[in-house]
Amino acid sequence: MSKRKVEVLSSQVGFTLLELLLVLFIIGLAAAVVMSSGSRMQEKSMFNTEARKLYLTIKHAREISIIERMNIVFKVDQEAKKYWITYGDDKTSETHSIPQKYTIAGEDILFFPKGNSSGGRIEIGNEKGQKYEVTVDQVFGTASIKRL
């Protein structure tokens, strides 16, 4: 085995300015794509969370009706974009306001002590046209949620 000595000319060492700029451009482009998709995912997550809160509040209204053995009303104010639970005479739960960029539509739902209800459906939508529908069965009073 013979040892060969390789000489490297000084012009061949390192990267050119063009190569460095190209790499920086690609990194910047990748970062922009990641940031953009991250904000879309956050918006989708916020909408899913609001729909889930609505569903859980309706389920909670039924549970309170059965436990307390009294009529409970799940109320919706479409224009103010709020919903809450009314217990009997003057007692109400905390009012939950949905963000202004979302819509809510539906009628008030009455839950009876035996677990049944007046039935109904509530829709929540966002500005992109995505919607969730929470449906309450009249006979059983159970709530279900589905994406439209």
C-alpha atoms as a PDB file:
ATOM      1  CA  MET A   1       0.000   0.000   0.000  1.00  0.00           C
ATOM      2  CA  SER A   2       1.417   3.216  -1.005  1.00  0.00           C
ATOM      3  CA  LYS A   3       0.469   6.439   0.625  1.00  0.00           C
ATOM      4  CA  ARG A   4      -0.646   9.133  -1.696  1.00  0.00           C
ATOM      5  CA  LYS A   5      -0.739  12.676  -0.763  1.00  0.00           C
ATOM      6  CA  VAL A   6      -3.755  14.580  -2.031  1.00  0.00           C
ATOM      7  CA  GLU A   7      -3.378  18.246  -2.440  1.00  0.00           C
ATOM      8  CA  VAL A   8      -6.439  20.405  -2.121  1.00  0.00           C
ATOM      9  CA  LEU A   9      -6.485  23.737  -3.777  1.00  0.00           C
ATOM     10  CA  SER A  10      -7.725  26.587  -1.636  1.00  0.00           C
ATOM     11  CA  SER A  11     -10.497  27.371  -4.127  1.00  0.00           C
ATOM     12  CA  GLN A  12     -12.108  23.942  -3.505  1.00  0.00           C
ATOM     13  CA  VAL A  13     -12.481  24.227   0.288  1.00  0.00           C
ATOM     14  CA  GLY A  14     -15.854  25.227   1.868  1.00  0.00           C
ATOM     15  CA  PHE A  15     -19.145  26.285   0.340  1.00  0.00           C
ATOM     16  CA  THR A  16     -19.932  29.029  -2.082  1.00  0.00           C
ATOM     17  CA  LEU A  17     -22.109  31.926  -1.105  1.00  0.00           C
ATOM     18  CA  LEU A  18     -24.774  30.721  -3.530  1.00  0.00           C
ATOM     19  CA  GLU A  19     -24.902  27.293  -1.860  1.00  0.00           C
ATOM     20  CA  LEU A  20     -25.258  28.853   1.590  1.00  0.00           C
ATOM     21  CA  LEU A  21     -28.028  31.171   0.436  1.00  0.00           C
ATOM     22  CA  LEU A  22     -29.868  28.259  -1.181  1.00  0.00           C
ATOM     23  CA  VAL A  23     -29.726  26.217   2.048  1.00  0.00           C
ATOM     24  CA  LEU A  24     -30.936  29.195   4.119  1.00  0.00           C
ATOM     25  CA  PHE A  25     -33.804  29.751   1.672  1.00  0.00           C
ATOM     26  CA  ILE A  26     -34.889  26.095   1.931  1.00  0.00           C
ATOM     27  CA  ILE A  27     -34.736  26.206   5.738  1.00  0.00           C
ATOM     28  CA  GLY A  28     -36.811  29.407   5.766  1.00  0.00           C
ATOM     29  CA  LEU A  29     -39.362  27.894   3.419  1.00  0.00           C
ATOM     30  CA  ALA A  30     -39.672  24.763   5.581  1.00  0.00           C
ATOM     31  CA  ALA A  31     -40.093  26.883   8.717  1.00  0.00           C
ATOM     32  CA  ALA A  32     -42.872  28.909   7.085  1.00  0.00           C
ATOM     33  CA  VAL A  33     -44.738  25.743   6.101  1.00  0.00           C
ATOM     34  CA  VAL A  34     -44.456  24.332   9.634  1.00  0.00           C
ATOM     35  CA  MET A  35     -45.642  27.585  11.226  1.00  0.00           C
ATOM     36  CA  SER A  36     -48.607  27.816   8.858  1.00  0.00           C
ATOM     37  CA  SER A  37     -49.760  24.258   9.479  1.00  0.00           C
ATOM     38  CA  GLY A  38     -49.278  24.732  13.229  1.00  0.00           C
ATOM     39  CA  SER A  39     -51.672  27.684  13.365  1.00  0.00           C
ATOM     40  CA  ARG A  40     -54.277  25.772  11.324  1.00  0.00           C
ATOM     41  CA  MET A  41     -54.015  22.840  13.706  1.00  0.00           C
ATOM     42  CA  GLN A  42     -54.465  25.172  16.683  1.00  0.00           C
ATOM     43  CA  GLU A  43     -57.613  26.693  15.130  1.00  0.00           C
ATOM     44  CA  LYS A  44     -59.045  23.241  14.435  1.00  0.00           C
ATOM     45  CA  SER A  45     -58.265  22.170  17.988  1.00  0.00           C
ATOM     46  CA  MET A  46     -60.017  25.238  19.437  1.00  0.00           C
ATOM     47  CA  PHE A  47     -63.150  24.517  17.391  1.00  0.00           C
ATOM     48  CA  ASN A  48     -63.168  20.851  18.426  1.00  0.00           C
ATOM     49  CA  THR A  49     -62.796  21.915  22.065  1.00  0.00           C
ATOM     50  CA  GLU A  50     -65.781  24.284  21.844  1.00  0.00           C
ATOM     51  CA  ALA A  51     -67.952  21.564  20.304  1.00  0.00           C
ATOM     52  CA  ARG A  52     -66.889  19.123  23.012  1.00  0.00           C
ATOM     53  CA  LYS A  53     -67.702  21.660  25.772  1.00  0.00           C
ATOM     54  CA  LEU A  54     -71.183  22.122  24.310  1.00  0.00           C
ATOM     55  CA  TYR A  55     -71.755  18.353  24.211  1.00  0.00           C
ATOM     56  CA  LEU A  56     -70.514  17.854  27.781  1.00  0.00           C
ATOM     57  CA  THR A  57     -72.674  20.696  29.102  1.00  0.00           C
ATOM     58  CA  ILE A  58     -75.774  19.099  27.577  1.00  0.00           C
ATOM     59  CA  LYS A  59     -74.843  15.728  29.099  1.00  0.00           C
ATOM     60  CA  HIS A  60     -74.308  17.454  32.440  1.00  0.00           C
ATOM     61  CA  ALA A  61     -77.786  19.009  32.285  1.00  0.00           C
ATOM     62  CA  ARG A  62     -79.349  15.547  31.927  1.00  0.00           C
ATOM     63  CA  GLU A  63     -77.284  14.153  34.807  1.00  0.00           C
ATOM     64  CA  ILE A  64     -78.300  17.015  37.112  1.00  0.00           C
ATOM     65  CA  SER A  65     -81.951  16.489  36.207  1.00  0.00           C
ATOM     66  CA  ILE A  66     -81.772  12.815  37.192  1.00  0.00           C
ATOM     67  CA  ILE A  67     -79.735  13.347  40.372  1.00  0.00           C
ATOM     68  CA  GLU A  68     -81.679  16.366  41.676  1.00  0.00           C
ATOM     69  CA  ARG A  69     -85.042  14.952  40.467  1.00  0.00           C
ATOM     70  CA  MET A  70     -86.112  18.212  38.903  1.00  0.00           C
ATOM     71  CA  ASN A  71     -86.676  19.685  35.470  1.00  0.00           C
ATOM     72  CA  ILE A  72     -83.544  21.259  34.022  1.00  0.00           C
ATOM     73  CA  VAL A  73     -83.406  23.468  30.937  1.00  0.00           C
ATOM     74  CA  PHE A  74     -80.421  23.793  28.636  1.00  0.00           C
ATOM     75  CA  LYS A  75     -80.765  27.296  27.176  1.00  0.00           C
ATOM     76  CA  VAL A  76     -79.224  28.764  24.033  1.00  0.00           C
ATOM     77  CA  ASP A  77     -78.976  32.427  23.063  1.00  0.00           C
ATOM     78  CA  GLN A  78     -78.020  32.349  19.380  1.00  0.00           C
ATOM     79  CA  GLU A  79     -77.530  36.082  18.941  1.00  0.00           C
ATOM     80  CA  ALA A  80     -75.333  36.525  22.023  1.00  0.00           C
ATOM     81  CA  LYS A  81     -73.563  33.212  21.218  1.00  0.00           C
ATOM     82  CA  LYS A  82     -74.058  31.881  24.747  1.00  0.00           C
ATOM     83  CA  TYR A  83     -75.491  28.828  26.452  1.00  0.00           C
ATOM     84  CA  TRP A  84     -76.196  27.834  30.049  1.00  0.00           C
ATOM     85  CA  ILE A  85     -78.233  25.540  32.306  1.00  0.00           C
ATOM     86  CA  THR A  86     -81.274  26.740  34.271  1.00  0.00           C
ATOM     87  CA  TYR A  87     -82.123  24.951  37.521  1.00  0.00           C
ATOM     88  CA  GLY A  88     -85.639  25.568  38.715  1.00  0.00           C
ATOM     89  CA  ASP A  89     -86.711  29.093  39.623  1.00  0.00           C
ATOM     90  CA  ASP A  90     -83.882  31.633  39.560  1.00  0.00           C
ATOM     91  CA  LYS A  91     -80.814  29.446  39.706  1.00  0.00           C
ATOM     92  CA  THR A  92     -78.584  29.212  36.616  1.00  0.00           C
ATOM     93  CA  SER A  93     -75.175  27.815  35.841  1.00  0.00           C
ATOM     94  CA  GLU A  94     -72.274  29.840  34.610  1.00  0.00           C
ATOM     95  CA  THR A  95     -72.955  31.196  31.131  1.00  0.00           C
ATOM     96  CA  HIS A  96     -70.553  29.930  28.495  1.00  0.00           C
ATOM     97  CA  SER A  97     -69.810  32.288  25.598  1.00  0.00           C
ATOM     98  CA  ILE A  98     -68.425  30.863  22.392  1.00  0.00           C
ATOM     99  CA  PRO A  99     -65.906  32.915  20.374  1.00  0.00           C
ATOM    100  CA  GLN A 100     -67.433  35.481  18.020  1.00  0.00           C
ATOM    101  CA  LYS A 101     -66.008  33.697  14.966  1.00  0.00           C
ATOM    102  CA  TYR A 102     -68.246  30.673  15.673  1.00  0.00           C
ATOM    103  CA  THR A 103     -72.006  30.293  15.307  1.00  0.00           C
ATOM    104  CA  ILE A 104     -74.476  28.406  17.463  1.00  0.00           C
ATOM    105  CA  ALA A 105     -78.008  27.447  16.487  1.00  0.00           C
ATOM    106  CA  GLY A 106     -80.706  25.416  18.161  1.00  0.00           C
ATOM    107  CA  GLU A 107     -83.572  25.472  20.601  1.00  0.00           C
ATOM    108  CA  ASP A 108     -83.784  25.133  24.369  1.00  0.00           C
ATOM    109  CA  ILE A 109     -83.882  21.529  25.635  1.00  0.00           C
ATOM    110  CA  LEU A 110     -85.846  20.464  28.709  1.00  0.00           C
ATOM    111  CA  PHE A 111     -84.582  17.465  30.718  1.00  0.00           C
ATOM    112  CA  PHE A 112     -86.954  15.550  33.001  1.00  0.00           C
ATOM    113  CA  PRO A 113     -86.119  13.675  36.239  1.00  0.00           C
ATOM    114  CA  LYS A 114     -86.742  10.267  34.643  1.00  0.00           C
ATOM    115  CA  GLY A 115     -83.922  10.867  32.142  1.00  0.00           C
ATOM    116  CA  ASN A 116     -86.021  11.713  29.101  1.00  0.00           C
ATOM    117  CA  SER A 117     -86.124  15.119  27.476  1.00  0.00           C
ATOM    118  CA  SER A 118     -87.961  17.390  25.081  1.00  0.00           C
ATOM    119  CA  GLY A 119     -85.334  16.438  22.499  1.00  0.00           C
ATOM    120  CA  GLY A 120     -83.629  18.721  20.062  1.00  0.00           C
ATOM    121  CA  ARG A 121     -80.396  19.560  18.361  1.00  0.00           C
ATOM    122  CA  ILE A 122     -77.758  22.246  18.654  1.00  0.00           C
ATOM    123  CA  GLU A 123     -75.288  23.122  15.883  1.00  0.00           C
ATOM    124  CA  ILE A 124     -71.980  24.874  16.318  1.00  0.00           C
ATOM    125  CA  GLY A 125     -70.074  26.069  13.257  1.00  0.00           C
ATOM    126  CA  ASN A 126     -66.946  27.977  12.363  1.00  0.00           C
ATOM    127  CA  GLU A 127     -66.100  30.485   9.634  1.00  0.00           C
ATOM    128  CA  LYS A 128     -64.758  27.732   7.359  1.00  0.00           C
ATOM    129  CA  GLY A 129     -68.135  26.030   7.163  1.00  0.00           C
ATOM    130  CA  GLN A 130     -67.250  23.140   9.470  1.00  0.00           C
ATOM    131  CA  LYS A 131     -70.047  22.123  11.836  1.00  0.00           C
ATOM    132  CA  TYR A 132     -70.778  19.839  14.737  1.00  0.00           C
ATOM    133  CA  GLU A 133     -74.281  18.778  15.671  1.00  0.00           C
ATOM    134  CA  VAL A 134     -75.263  17.723  19.185  1.00  0.00           C
ATOM    135  CA  THR A 135     -78.514  15.769  19.133  1.00  0.00           C
ATOM    136  CA  VAL A 136     -80.591  14.942  22.215  1.00  0.00           C
ATOM    137  CA  ASP A 137     -82.891  11.940  22.000  1.00  0.00           C
ATOM    138  CA  GLN A 138     -86.436  12.678  23.161  1.00  0.00           C
ATOM    139  CA  VAL A 139     -87.158   9.255  24.676  1.00  0.00           C
ATOM    140  CA  PHE A 140     -83.857   8.505  26.413  1.00  0.00           C
ATOM    141  CA  GLY A 141     -82.543  12.058  26.845  1.00  0.00           C
ATOM    142  CA  THR A 142     -79.063  10.987  25.780  1.00  0.00           C
ATOM    143  CA  ALA A 143     -76.836  13.329  23.812  1.00  0.00           C
ATOM    144  CA  SER A 144     -74.690  12.436  20.822  1.00  0.00           C
ATOM    145  CA  ILE A 145     -72.270  14.510  18.803  1.00  0.00           C
ATOM    146  CA  LYS A 146     -71.307  14.207  15.164  1.00  0.00           C
ATOM    147  CA  ARG A 147     -69.356  16.224  12.670  1.00  0.00           C
ATOM    148  CA  LEU A 148     -71.331  17.437   9.670  1.00  0.00           C
END
